């Protein structure tokens, strides 16, 4: 017998983050909307996270898997989900009390297949209701995600709300990707109609800490490289007609990674991404960026060359 469908399945992957997970679960328990389930996937934690997950009471489905990465963990949760829509929540983030109610209101009004949420950043303790308040949803609706390409907005996995059938058709998150997998999913469902972007209120608290993927340049380089490769391989839908929209999205991801690589002294990574994305940036008329980045790369190269020759001279002397 099929289990009765509910409105939302909240899928929470976790690896060695007990302290953060407690706040995430607490934020879910404060939801004012009632038609939801919670699925926690422990991705082979080696600390006391697994014990904490097992101790969780209430209607929470718990899965433990061998360490396989966050994408596979999310997909594992989606396989057993009963919700019409999937809500992804990273274990270091939190929902605000009105999040599901807001999503439900947006779905009732616009019937989007894909939704992106607005975040509010915080450190240490989750944001209080004095810092952020609920308001009537302000929503921009587009034909699809790619139609939003020209307008930048941060979209991490915790910002993605997607109809379960659409997620299944897309084969979910790419199991082999643990960086850039959020944008990869959005690009693969980029022509699903319609797409809604919530501009207010904030519904996700994004925790800023030292272990954020956004602070790990090696992971960012890996994610950017994957997006460029998958576009080159023709994996993303829309054909030639939507190529400009796709490369606009990918360019917005790649540009800051090139600059971050230069700042961290990763000249080889910066040069590789620059070369692979060069014609993409030419087509989207990002000429100022190409010139500025080329100057920075050249300066970095000359600086490294000067150091090399100085060390060689010192060794000879």
C-alpha atoms as a PDB file:
ATOM      1  CA  UNK A   1       0.000   0.000   0.000  1.00  0.00           C
ATOM      2  CA  UNK A   2       1.332   3.433  -0.911  1.00  0.00           C
ATOM      3  CA  UNK A   3       1.917   5.791   1.983  1.00  0.00           C
ATOM      4  CA  UNK A   4      -0.243   8.917   1.976  1.00  0.00           C
ATOM      5  CA  UNK A   5       1.483  11.855   0.339  1.00  0.00           C
ATOM      6  CA  UNK A   6       2.254  14.934   2.366  1.00  0.00           C
ATOM      7  CA  UNK A   7       3.170  18.409   1.201  1.00  0.00           C
ATOM      8  CA  UNK A   8       6.874  18.630   2.052  1.00  0.00           C
ATOM      9  CA  UNK A   9       9.776  16.306   2.743  1.00  0.00           C
ATOM     10  CA  UNK A  10      12.648  18.072   4.504  1.00  0.00           C
ATOM     11  CA  UNK A  11      15.876  16.250   3.672  1.00  0.00           C
ATOM     12  CA  UNK A  12      18.839  16.865   5.976  1.00  0.00           C
ATOM     13  CA  UNK A  13      22.224  15.281   5.153  1.00  0.00           C
ATOM     14  CA  UNK A  14      24.845  15.371   7.906  1.00  0.00           C
ATOM     15  CA  UNK A  15      28.469  14.405   8.428  1.00  0.00           C
ATOM     16  CA  UNK A  16      30.204  15.059  11.752  1.00  0.00           C
ATOM     17  CA  UNK A  17      28.074  18.071  12.678  1.00  0.00           C
ATOM     18  CA  UNK A  18      26.130  17.196  15.799  1.00  0.00           C
ATOM     19  CA  UNK A  19      26.136  20.709  17.272  1.00  0.00           C
ATOM     20  CA  UNK A  20      24.889  22.277  14.056  1.00  0.00           C
ATOM     21  CA  UNK A  21      22.378  19.489  13.421  1.00  0.00           C
ATOM     22  CA  UNK A  22      20.697  20.146  16.769  1.00  0.00           C
ATOM     23  CA  UNK A  23      19.919  23.715  15.686  1.00  0.00           C
ATOM     24  CA  UNK A  24      18.687  22.544  12.265  1.00  0.00           C
ATOM     25  CA  UNK A  25      16.290  20.002  13.794  1.00  0.00           C
ATOM     26  CA  UNK A  26      15.082  22.535  16.360  1.00  0.00           C
ATOM     27  CA  UNK A  27      14.311  25.012  13.568  1.00  0.00           C
ATOM     28  CA  UNK A  28      12.231  22.384  11.779  1.00  0.00           C
ATOM     29  CA  UNK A  29      10.255  21.632  14.932  1.00  0.00           C
ATOM     30  CA  UNK A  30       9.206  25.309  15.095  1.00  0.00           C
ATOM     31  CA  UNK A  31       7.437  25.269  11.729  1.00  0.00           C
ATOM     32  CA  UNK A  32       3.951  26.750  11.757  1.00  0.00           C
ATOM     33  CA  UNK A  33       2.963  24.522   8.825  1.00  0.00           C
ATOM     34  CA  UNK A  34       2.151  20.926   9.697  1.00  0.00           C
ATOM     35  CA  UNK A  35       2.106  18.786   6.538  1.00  0.00           C
ATOM     36  CA  UNK A  36       5.726  17.686   6.385  1.00  0.00           C
ATOM     37  CA  UNK A  37       8.151  14.927   7.239  1.00  0.00           C
ATOM     38  CA  UNK A  38      11.822  15.011   8.184  1.00  0.00           C
ATOM     39  CA  UNK A  39      14.466  12.682   6.759  1.00  0.00           C
ATOM     40  CA  UNK A  40      17.962  12.791   8.270  1.00  0.00           C
ATOM     41  CA  UNK A  41      20.751  10.994   6.424  1.00  0.00           C
ATOM     42  CA  UNK A  42      23.957  10.375   8.382  1.00  0.00           C
ATOM     43  CA  UNK A  43      26.712  10.164   5.775  1.00  0.00           C
ATOM     44  CA  UNK A  44      28.993   7.875   7.778  1.00  0.00           C
ATOM     45  CA  UNK A  45      29.802  10.268  10.618  1.00  0.00           C
ATOM     46  CA  UNK A  46      32.794   9.289  12.772  1.00  0.00           C
ATOM     47  CA  UNK A  47      31.989  11.428  15.809  1.00  0.00           C
ATOM     48  CA  UNK A  48      28.913  11.334  18.065  1.00  0.00           C
ATOM     49  CA  UNK A  49      26.591  12.612  15.297  1.00  0.00           C
ATOM     50  CA  UNK A  50      25.320   9.084  14.571  1.00  0.00           C
ATOM     51  CA  UNK A  51      24.297   8.567  18.186  1.00  0.00           C
ATOM     52  CA  UNK A  52      22.522  11.909  18.231  1.00  0.00           C
ATOM     53  CA  UNK A  53      20.623  11.078  15.045  1.00  0.00           C
ATOM     54  CA  UNK A  54      19.496   7.759  16.537  1.00  0.00           C
ATOM     55  CA  UNK A  55      18.301   9.559  19.667  1.00  0.00           C
ATOM     56  CA  UNK A  56      16.008  11.888  17.746  1.00  0.00           C
ATOM     57  CA  UNK A  57      12.386  11.363  18.620  1.00  0.00           C
ATOM     58  CA  UNK A  58       9.202  12.256  16.827  1.00  0.00           C
ATOM     59  CA  UNK A  59       8.268  11.527  13.215  1.00  0.00           C
ATOM     60  CA  UNK A  60      11.821  11.614  11.842  1.00  0.00           C
ATOM     61  CA  UNK A  61      13.074   9.047   9.362  1.00  0.00           C
ATOM     62  CA  UNK A  62      16.730   8.202   9.974  1.00  0.00           C
ATOM     63  CA  UNK A  63      19.115   6.718   7.433  1.00  0.00           C
ATOM     64  CA  UNK A  64      22.760   5.822   7.936  1.00  0.00           C
ATOM     65  CA  UNK A  65      25.006   5.198   4.941  1.00  0.00           C
ATOM     66  CA  UNK A  66      28.690   4.655   4.364  1.00  0.00           C
ATOM     67  CA  UNK A  67      30.422   7.948   3.693  1.00  0.00           C
ATOM     68  CA  UNK A  68      29.518   8.698   0.075  1.00  0.00           C
ATOM     69  CA  UNK A  69      29.219  12.473  -0.098  1.00  0.00           C
ATOM     70  CA  UNK A  70      26.456  14.984   0.380  1.00  0.00           C
ATOM     71  CA  UNK A  71      24.888  14.526  -3.059  1.00  0.00           C
ATOM     72  CA  UNK A  72      24.357  10.819  -2.609  1.00  0.00           C
ATOM     73  CA  UNK A  73      23.012  11.440   0.897  1.00  0.00           C
ATOM     74  CA  UNK A  74      20.401  13.887  -0.401  1.00  0.00           C
ATOM     75  CA  UNK A  75      19.417  11.483  -3.173  1.00  0.00           C
ATOM     76  CA  UNK A  76      19.109   8.665  -0.633  1.00  0.00           C
ATOM     77  CA  UNK A  77      16.677  10.760   1.356  1.00  0.00           C
ATOM     78  CA  UNK A  78      14.692  11.689  -1.751  1.00  0.00           C
ATOM     79  CA  UNK A  79      14.239   8.002  -2.607  1.00  0.00           C
ATOM     80  CA  UNK A  80      12.057   7.436   0.469  1.00  0.00           C
ATOM     81  CA  UNK A  81      10.430  10.871   0.573  1.00  0.00           C
ATOM     82  CA  UNK A  82       6.626  11.088   0.525  1.00  0.00           C
ATOM     83  CA  UNK A  83       6.323  14.838   0.047  1.00  0.00           C
ATOM     84  CA  UNK A  84       5.012  16.402  -3.123  1.00  0.00           C
ATOM     85  CA  UNK A  85       7.855  18.900  -2.808  1.00  0.00           C
ATOM     86  CA  UNK A  86      11.380  18.301  -1.525  1.00  0.00           C
ATOM     87  CA  UNK A  87      13.014  20.848   0.775  1.00  0.00           C
ATOM     88  CA  UNK A  88      16.765  20.447   1.208  1.00  0.00           C
ATOM     89  CA  UNK A  89      18.373  21.712   4.396  1.00  0.00           C
ATOM     90  CA  UNK A  90      22.090  21.406   5.040  1.00  0.00           C
ATOM     91  CA  UNK A  91      22.882  20.415   8.607  1.00  0.00           C
ATOM     92  CA  UNK A  92      24.605  23.735   9.375  1.00  0.00           C
ATOM     93  CA  UNK A  93      21.655  25.827   8.194  1.00  0.00           C
ATOM     94  CA  UNK A  94      18.241  26.490   9.742  1.00  0.00           C
ATOM     95  CA  UNK A  95      14.687  27.151   8.617  1.00  0.00           C
ATOM     96  CA  UNK A  96      12.731  30.077   9.973  1.00  0.00           C
ATOM     97  CA  UNK A  97       9.357  29.289  11.593  1.00  0.00           C
ATOM     98  CA  UNK A  98       7.343  30.417   8.568  1.00  0.00           C
ATOM     99  CA  UNK A  99       9.446  28.728   5.879  1.00  0.00           C
ATOM    100  CA  UNK A 100       7.082  25.911   4.931  1.00  0.00           C
ATOM    101  CA  UNK A 101       4.031  28.170   5.195  1.00  0.00           C
ATOM    102  CA  UNK A 102       5.708  30.602   2.806  1.00  0.00           C
ATOM    103  CA  UNK A 103       6.551  27.811   0.360  1.00  0.00           C
ATOM    104  CA  UNK A 104       2.982  26.537   0.545  1.00  0.00           C
ATOM    105  CA  UNK A 105       1.602  30.021  -0.169  1.00  0.00           C
ATOM    106  CA  UNK A 106       3.902  30.415  -3.182  1.00  0.00           C
ATOM    107  CA  UNK A 107       2.924  27.001  -4.531  1.00  0.00           C
ATOM    108  CA  UNK A 108      -0.783  27.731  -4.106  1.00  0.00           C
ATOM    109  CA  UNK A 109      -0.493  31.033  -5.983  1.00  0.00           C
ATOM    110  CA  UNK A 110       1.904  30.158  -8.791  1.00  0.00           C
ATOM    111  CA  UNK A 111       2.267  26.349  -8.997  1.00  0.00           C
ATOM    112  CA  UNK A 112       6.025  26.518  -9.626  1.00  0.00           C
ATOM    113  CA  UNK A 113       7.954  23.303 -10.164  1.00  0.00           C
ATOM    114  CA  UNK A 114      11.180  24.835  -8.858  1.00  0.00           C
ATOM    115  CA  UNK A 115      11.536  27.470  -6.130  1.00  0.00           C
ATOM    116  CA  UNK A 116      14.582  29.250  -4.735  1.00  0.00           C
ATOM    117  CA  UNK A 117      14.484  30.728  -1.261  1.00  0.00           C
ATOM    118  CA  UNK A 118      16.035  33.841   0.224  1.00  0.00           C
ATOM    119  CA  UNK A 119      18.673  33.478   2.923  1.00  0.00           C
ATOM    120  CA  UNK A 120      19.832  35.484   5.890  1.00  0.00           C
ATOM    121  CA  UNK A 121      23.411  34.929   7.036  1.00  0.00           C
ATOM    122  CA  UNK A 122      24.335  34.338  10.663  1.00  0.00           C
ATOM    123  CA  UNK A 123      27.266  33.284  12.805  1.00  0.00           C
ATOM    124  CA  UNK A 124      27.225  31.265  16.010  1.00  0.00           C
ATOM    125  CA  UNK A 125      23.564  31.387  17.083  1.00  0.00           C
ATOM    126  CA  UNK A 126      20.653  31.241  14.586  1.00  0.00           C
ATOM    127  CA  UNK A 127      18.884  34.531  13.825  1.00  0.00           C
ATOM    128  CA  UNK A 128      16.198  35.555  16.291  1.00  0.00           C
ATOM    129  CA  UNK A 129      12.743  36.674  15.298  1.00  0.00           C
ATOM    130  CA  UNK A 130      13.722  40.193  16.337  1.00  0.00           C
ATOM    131  CA  UNK A 131      16.345  40.202  13.572  1.00  0.00           C
ATOM    132  CA  UNK A 132      14.093  38.921  10.801  1.00  0.00           C
ATOM    133  CA  UNK A 133      10.317  39.076  10.548  1.00  0.00           C
ATOM    134  CA  UNK A 134       7.701  37.418   8.424  1.00  0.00           C
ATOM    135  CA  UNK A 135       6.035  39.346   5.659  1.00  0.00           C
ATOM    136  CA  UNK A 136       3.724  38.535   2.811  1.00  0.00           C
ATOM    137  CA  UNK A 137       5.787  36.666   0.211  1.00  0.00           C
ATOM    138  CA  UNK A 138       7.340  38.834  -2.471  1.00  0.00           C
ATOM    139  CA  UNK A 139       7.915  36.522  -5.409  1.00  0.00           C
ATOM    140  CA  UNK A 140       9.259  36.858  -8.932  1.00  0.00           C
ATOM    141  CA  UNK A 141       7.985  34.185 -11.303  1.00  0.00           C
ATOM    142  CA  UNK A 142       9.852  33.273 -14.483  1.00  0.00           C
ATOM    143  CA  UNK A 143       9.113  30.905 -17.329  1.00  0.00           C
ATOM    144  CA  UNK A 144      11.947  28.740 -16.010  1.00  0.00           C
ATOM    145  CA  UNK A 145      15.202  28.987 -14.053  1.00  0.00           C
ATOM    146  CA  UNK A 146      17.255  29.897 -17.130  1.00  0.00           C
ATOM    147  CA  UNK A 147      15.017  32.900 -17.758  1.00  0.00           C
ATOM    148  CA  UNK A 148      16.441  34.306 -14.510  1.00  0.00           C
ATOM    149  CA  UNK A 149      20.041  33.997 -15.722  1.00  0.00           C
ATOM    150  CA  UNK A 150      20.783  37.718 -15.946  1.00  0.00           C
ATOM    151  CA  UNK A 151      19.765  38.394 -12.339  1.00  0.00           C
ATOM    152  CA  UNK A 152      22.271  37.179  -9.751  1.00  0.00           C
ATOM    153  CA  UNK A 153      21.090  35.505  -6.596  1.00  0.00           C
ATOM    154  CA  UNK A 154      22.865  33.071  -4.316  1.00  0.00           C
ATOM    155  CA  UNK A 155      21.337  29.602  -4.487  1.00  0.00           C
ATOM    156  CA  UNK A 156      22.771  26.922  -2.216  1.00  0.00           C
ATOM    157  CA  UNK A 157      21.191  23.529  -1.702  1.00  0.00           C
ATOM    158  CA  UNK A 158      19.240  24.799   1.323  1.00  0.00           C
ATOM    159  CA  UNK A 159      17.546  27.325  -0.961  1.00  0.00           C
ATOM    160  CA  UNK A 160      16.148  24.708  -3.350  1.00  0.00           C
ATOM    161  CA  UNK A 161      12.519  23.572  -3.150  1.00  0.00           C
ATOM    162  CA  UNK A 162      11.579  21.290  -6.005  1.00  0.00           C
ATOM    163  CA  UNK A 163       8.642  19.125  -6.970  1.00  0.00           C
ATOM    164  CA  UNK A 164       9.522  15.510  -6.240  1.00  0.00           C
ATOM    165  CA  UNK A 165       8.572  14.284  -9.731  1.00  0.00           C
ATOM    166  CA  UNK A 166      10.805  16.911 -11.346  1.00  0.00           C
ATOM    167  CA  UNK A 167      13.674  15.929  -9.062  1.00  0.00           C
ATOM    168  CA  UNK A 168      13.214  12.268  -9.983  1.00  0.00           C
ATOM    169  CA  UNK A 169      13.100  13.060 -13.722  1.00  0.00           C
ATOM    170  CA  UNK A 170      16.371  14.938 -13.415  1.00  0.00           C
ATOM    171  CA  UNK A 171      17.992  12.011 -11.556  1.00  0.00           C
ATOM    172  CA  UNK A 172      18.579  14.256  -8.565  1.00  0.00           C
ATOM    173  CA  UNK A 173      21.927  15.625  -7.486  1.00  0.00           C
ATOM    174  CA  UNK A 174      24.925  14.313  -9.404  1.00  0.00           C
ATOM    175  CA  UNK A 175      26.388  11.681  -7.074  1.00  0.00           C
ATOM    176  CA  UNK A 176      29.910  12.369  -8.295  1.00  0.00           C
ATOM    177  CA  UNK A 177      29.661  16.079  -7.432  1.00  0.00           C
ATOM    178  CA  UNK A 178      30.117  17.436  -3.921  1.00  0.00           C
ATOM    179  CA  UNK A 179      30.815  21.013  -5.011  1.00  0.00           C
ATOM    180  CA  UNK A 180      28.739  23.006  -7.474  1.00  0.00           C
ATOM    181  CA  UNK A 181      26.062  20.325  -7.274  1.00  0.00           C
ATOM    182  CA  UNK A 182      23.388  22.901  -6.407  1.00  0.00           C
ATOM    183  CA  UNK A 183      23.892  24.925  -9.595  1.00  0.00           C
ATOM    184  CA  UNK A 184      24.303  21.714 -11.567  1.00  0.00           C
ATOM    185  CA  UNK A 185      20.848  20.561 -10.447  1.00  0.00           C
ATOM    186  CA  UNK A 186      19.288  23.931 -11.265  1.00  0.00           C
ATOM    187  CA  UNK A 187      20.843  23.873 -14.725  1.00  0.00           C
ATOM    188  CA  UNK A 188      19.544  20.346 -15.354  1.00  0.00           C
ATOM    189  CA  UNK A 189      16.013  21.432 -14.402  1.00  0.00           C
ATOM    190  CA  UNK A 190      16.580  24.818 -16.010  1.00  0.00           C
ATOM    191  CA  UNK A 191      13.719  24.538 -18.515  1.00  0.00           C
ATOM    192  CA  UNK A 192      11.101  23.198 -16.094  1.00  0.00           C
ATOM    193  CA  UNK A 193       8.191  25.654 -15.948  1.00  0.00           C
ATOM    194  CA  UNK A 194       7.510  27.759 -14.031  1.00  0.00           C
ATOM    195  CA  UNK A 195      10.279  28.857 -11.651  1.00  0.00           C
ATOM    196  CA  UNK A 196       9.690  31.101  -8.641  1.00  0.00           C
ATOM    197  CA  UNK A 197      12.266  33.119  -6.730  1.00  0.00           C
ATOM    198  CA  UNK A 198      11.291  34.243  -3.251  1.00  0.00           C
ATOM    199  CA  UNK A 199      12.680  37.731  -2.610  1.00  0.00           C
ATOM    200  CA  UNK A 200      11.021  38.129   0.788  1.00  0.00           C
ATOM    201  CA  UNK A 201      10.787  36.986   3.458  1.00  0.00           C
ATOM    202  CA  UNK A 202      14.019  35.195   4.286  1.00  0.00           C
ATOM    203  CA  UNK A 203      13.200  31.547   4.943  1.00  0.00           C
ATOM    204  CA  UNK A 204      16.672  30.015   5.363  1.00  0.00           C
ATOM    205  CA  UNK A 205      19.344  30.918   7.880  1.00  0.00           C
ATOM    206  CA  UNK A 206      22.735  30.364   6.217  1.00  0.00           C
ATOM    207  CA  UNK A 207      25.407  29.726   8.820  1.00  0.00           C
ATOM    208  CA  UNK A 208      28.768  31.360   8.091  1.00  0.00           C
ATOM    209  CA  UNK A 209      31.683  29.371   9.522  1.00  0.00           C
ATOM    210  CA  UNK A 210      35.197  28.235   8.667  1.00  0.00           C
ATOM    211  CA  UNK A 211      34.027  24.932   7.174  1.00  0.00           C
ATOM    212  CA  UNK A 212      31.668  26.449   4.568  1.00  0.00           C
ATOM    213  CA  UNK A 213      32.273  25.021   1.112  1.00  0.00           C
ATOM    214  CA  UNK A 214      32.270  28.633  -0.128  1.00  0.00           C
ATOM    215  CA  UNK A 215      35.527  29.151   1.801  1.00  0.00           C
ATOM    216  CA  UNK A 216      37.284  26.085   0.353  1.00  0.00           C
ATOM    217  CA  UNK A 217      38.881  27.210  -2.875  1.00  0.00           C
ATOM    218  CA  UNK A 218      39.821  23.693  -3.951  1.00  0.00           C
ATOM    219  CA  UNK A 219      36.176  22.632  -3.753  1.00  0.00           C
ATOM    220  CA  UNK A 220      35.054  25.766  -5.587  1.00  0.00           C
ATOM    221  CA  UNK A 221      37.562  25.087  -8.358  1.00  0.00           C
ATOM    222  CA  UNK A 222      36.314  21.505  -8.602  1.00  0.00           C
ATOM    223  CA  UNK A 223      32.698  22.636  -8.789  1.00  0.00           C
ATOM    224  CA  UNK A 224      33.395  25.289 -11.430  1.00  0.00           C
ATOM    225  CA  UNK A 225      35.387  22.824 -13.512  1.00  0.00           C
ATOM    226  CA  UNK A 226      32.514  20.346 -13.344  1.00  0.00           C
ATOM    227  CA  UNK A 227      29.974  22.916 -14.523  1.00  0.00           C
ATOM    228  CA  UNK A 228      32.176  23.937 -17.448  1.00  0.00           C
ATOM    229  CA  UNK A 229      32.787  20.310 -18.423  1.00  0.00           C
ATOM    230  CA  UNK A 230      29.126  19.336 -18.230  1.00  0.00           C
ATOM    231  CA  UNK A 231      28.081  22.306 -20.357  1.00  0.00           C
ATOM    232  CA  UNK A 232      30.736  21.329 -22.903  1.00  0.00           C
ATOM    233  CA  UNK A 233      29.401  17.756 -22.883  1.00  0.00           C
ATOM    234  CA  UNK A 234      25.866  18.962 -23.649  1.00  0.00           C
ATOM    235  CA  UNK A 235      24.375  17.613 -20.422  1.00  0.00           C
ATOM    236  CA  UNK A 236      22.231  20.652 -19.684  1.00  0.00           C
ATOM    237  CA  UNK A 237      18.873  21.091 -21.493  1.00  0.00           C
ATOM    238  CA  UNK A 238      17.746  23.930 -23.701  1.00  0.00           C
ATOM    239  CA  UNK A 239      19.902  23.320 -26.748  1.00  0.00           C
ATOM    240  CA  UNK A 240      21.527  26.139 -28.673  1.00  0.00           C
ATOM    241  CA  UNK A 241      18.481  28.366 -28.087  1.00  0.00           C
ATOM    242  CA  UNK A 242      19.204  28.573 -24.344  1.00  0.00           C
ATOM    243  CA  UNK A 243      23.012  28.347 -24.475  1.00  0.00           C
ATOM    244  CA  UNK A 244      23.419  32.053 -23.669  1.00  0.00           C
ATOM    245  CA  UNK A 245      21.319  31.701 -20.524  1.00  0.00           C
ATOM    246  CA  UNK A 246      23.258  28.633 -19.384  1.00  0.00           C
ATOM    247  CA  UNK A 247      26.682  30.168 -19.853  1.00  0.00           C
ATOM    248  CA  UNK A 248      25.508  33.348 -18.129  1.00  0.00           C
ATOM    249  CA  UNK A 249      24.668  31.287 -15.034  1.00  0.00           C
ATOM    250  CA  UNK A 250      27.923  29.329 -15.204  1.00  0.00           C
ATOM    251  CA  UNK A 251      29.948  32.496 -15.727  1.00  0.00           C
ATOM    252  CA  UNK A 252      28.501  33.982 -12.541  1.00  0.00           C
ATOM    253  CA  UNK A 253      29.766  30.921 -10.662  1.00  0.00           C
ATOM    254  CA  UNK A 254      33.199  30.779 -12.311  1.00  0.00           C
ATOM    255  CA  UNK A 255      34.308  34.428 -12.144  1.00  0.00           C
ATOM    256  CA  UNK A 256      34.604  34.746  -8.357  1.00  0.00           C
ATOM    257  CA  UNK A 257      36.382  31.387  -8.218  1.00  0.00           C
ATOM    258  CA  UNK A 258      39.037  32.614 -10.651  1.00  0.00           C
ATOM    259  CA  UNK A 259      39.612  35.668  -8.465  1.00  0.00           C
ATOM    260  CA  UNK A 260      39.607  33.621  -5.245  1.00  0.00           C
ATOM    261  CA  UNK A 261      42.170  31.257  -6.764  1.00  0.00           C
ATOM    262  CA  UNK A 262      44.461  34.179  -7.540  1.00  0.00           C
ATOM    263  CA  UNK A 263      44.054  35.570  -4.028  1.00  0.00           C
ATOM    264  CA  UNK A 264      45.067  32.213  -2.548  1.00  0.00           C
ATOM    265  CA  UNK A 265      48.053  31.865  -4.844  1.00  0.00           C
ATOM    266  CA  UNK A 266      46.496  29.071  -6.928  1.00  0.00           C
ATOM    267  CA  UNK A 267      47.736  30.442 -10.232  1.00  0.00           C
ATOM    268  CA  UNK A 268      47.409  27.169 -12.129  1.00  0.00           C
ATOM    269  CA  UNK A 269      43.747  26.769 -11.128  1.00  0.00           C
ATOM    270  CA  UNK A 270      42.960  30.380 -12.020  1.00  0.00           C
ATOM    271  CA  UNK A 271      44.635  30.067 -15.428  1.00  0.00           C
ATOM    272  CA  UNK A 272      42.854  26.783 -16.203  1.00  0.00           C
ATOM    273  CA  UNK A 273      39.423  28.171 -15.364  1.00  0.00           C
ATOM    274  CA  UNK A 274      40.207  31.361 -17.287  1.00  0.00           C
ATOM    275  CA  UNK A 275      41.118  29.401 -20.415  1.00  0.00           C
ATOM    276  CA  UNK A 276      38.135  27.059 -20.203  1.00  0.00           C
ATOM    277  CA  UNK A 277      35.675  29.887 -19.722  1.00  0.00           C
ATOM    278  CA  UNK A 278      37.296  32.410 -22.087  1.00  0.00           C
ATOM    279  CA  UNK A 279      34.911  32.111 -25.056  1.00  0.00           C
ATOM    280  CA  UNK A 280      31.974  31.837 -22.681  1.00  0.00           C
ATOM    281  CA  UNK A 281      32.882  35.231 -21.257  1.00  0.00           C
ATOM    282  CA  UNK A 282      33.485  36.675 -24.717  1.00  0.00           C
ATOM    283  CA  UNK A 283      30.013  35.607 -25.789  1.00  0.00           C
ATOM    284  CA  UNK A 284      28.401  37.138 -22.700  1.00  0.00           C
ATOM    285  CA  UNK A 285      30.442  40.335 -23.239  1.00  0.00           C
ATOM    286  CA  UNK A 286      32.387  40.112 -19.993  1.00  0.00           C
ATOM    287  CA  UNK A 287      35.356  41.801 -21.675  1.00  0.00           C
ATOM    288  CA  UNK A 288      36.296  43.976 -18.693  1.00  0.00           C
ATOM    289  CA  UNK A 289      36.527  40.883 -16.537  1.00  0.00           C
ATOM    290  CA  UNK A 290      38.664  39.070 -19.116  1.00  0.00           C
ATOM    291  CA  UNK A 291      41.083  41.993 -19.370  1.00  0.00           C
ATOM    292  CA  UNK A 292      41.312  42.536 -15.614  1.00  0.00           C
ATOM    293  CA  UNK A 293      41.711  38.831 -14.879  1.00  0.00           C
ATOM    294  CA  UNK A 294      44.379  38.506 -17.581  1.00  0.00           C
ATOM    295  CA  UNK A 295      46.362  41.357 -16.003  1.00  0.00           C
ATOM    296  CA  UNK A 296      46.088  39.780 -12.558  1.00  0.00           C
ATOM    297  CA  UNK A 297      47.137  36.366 -13.885  1.00  0.00           C
ATOM    298  CA  UNK A 298      50.111  37.900 -15.723  1.00  0.00           C
ATOM    299  CA  UNK A 299      51.170  39.817 -12.613  1.00  0.00           C
ATOM    300  CA  UNK A 300      50.894  36.662 -10.515  1.00  0.00           C
ATOM    301  CA  UNK A 301      52.931  34.738 -13.074  1.00  0.00           C
ATOM    302  CA  UNK A 302      55.663  37.390 -13.132  1.00  0.00           C
ATOM    303  CA  UNK A 303      55.724  37.441  -9.342  1.00  0.00           C
ATOM    304  CA  UNK A 304      56.148  33.665  -9.204  1.00  0.00           C
ATOM    305  CA  UNK A 305      58.814  33.778 -11.935  1.00  0.00           C
ATOM    306  CA  UNK A 306      60.730  36.447 -10.033  1.00  0.00           C
ATOM    307  CA  UNK A 307      60.673  34.322  -6.880  1.00  0.00           C
ATOM    308  CA  UNK A 308      61.885  31.288  -8.822  1.00  0.00           C
ATOM    309  CA  UNK A 309      64.810  33.090 -10.421  1.00  0.00           C
ATOM    310  CA  UNK A 310      65.739  34.739  -7.117  1.00  0.00           C
ATOM    311  CA  UNK A 311      65.896  31.354  -5.406  1.00  0.00           C
ATOM    312  CA  UNK A 312      67.885  29.875  -8.329  1.00  0.00           C
ATOM    313  CA  UNK A 313      70.404  32.731  -8.191  1.00  0.00           C
ATOM    314  CA  UNK A 314      70.748  32.403  -4.421  1.00  0.00           C
ATOM    315  CA  UNK A 315      71.374  28.659  -4.766  1.00  0.00           C
ATOM    316  CA  UNK A 316      74.121  29.236  -7.359  1.00  0.00           C
ATOM    317  CA  UNK A 317      75.819  31.884  -5.262  1.00  0.00           C
END
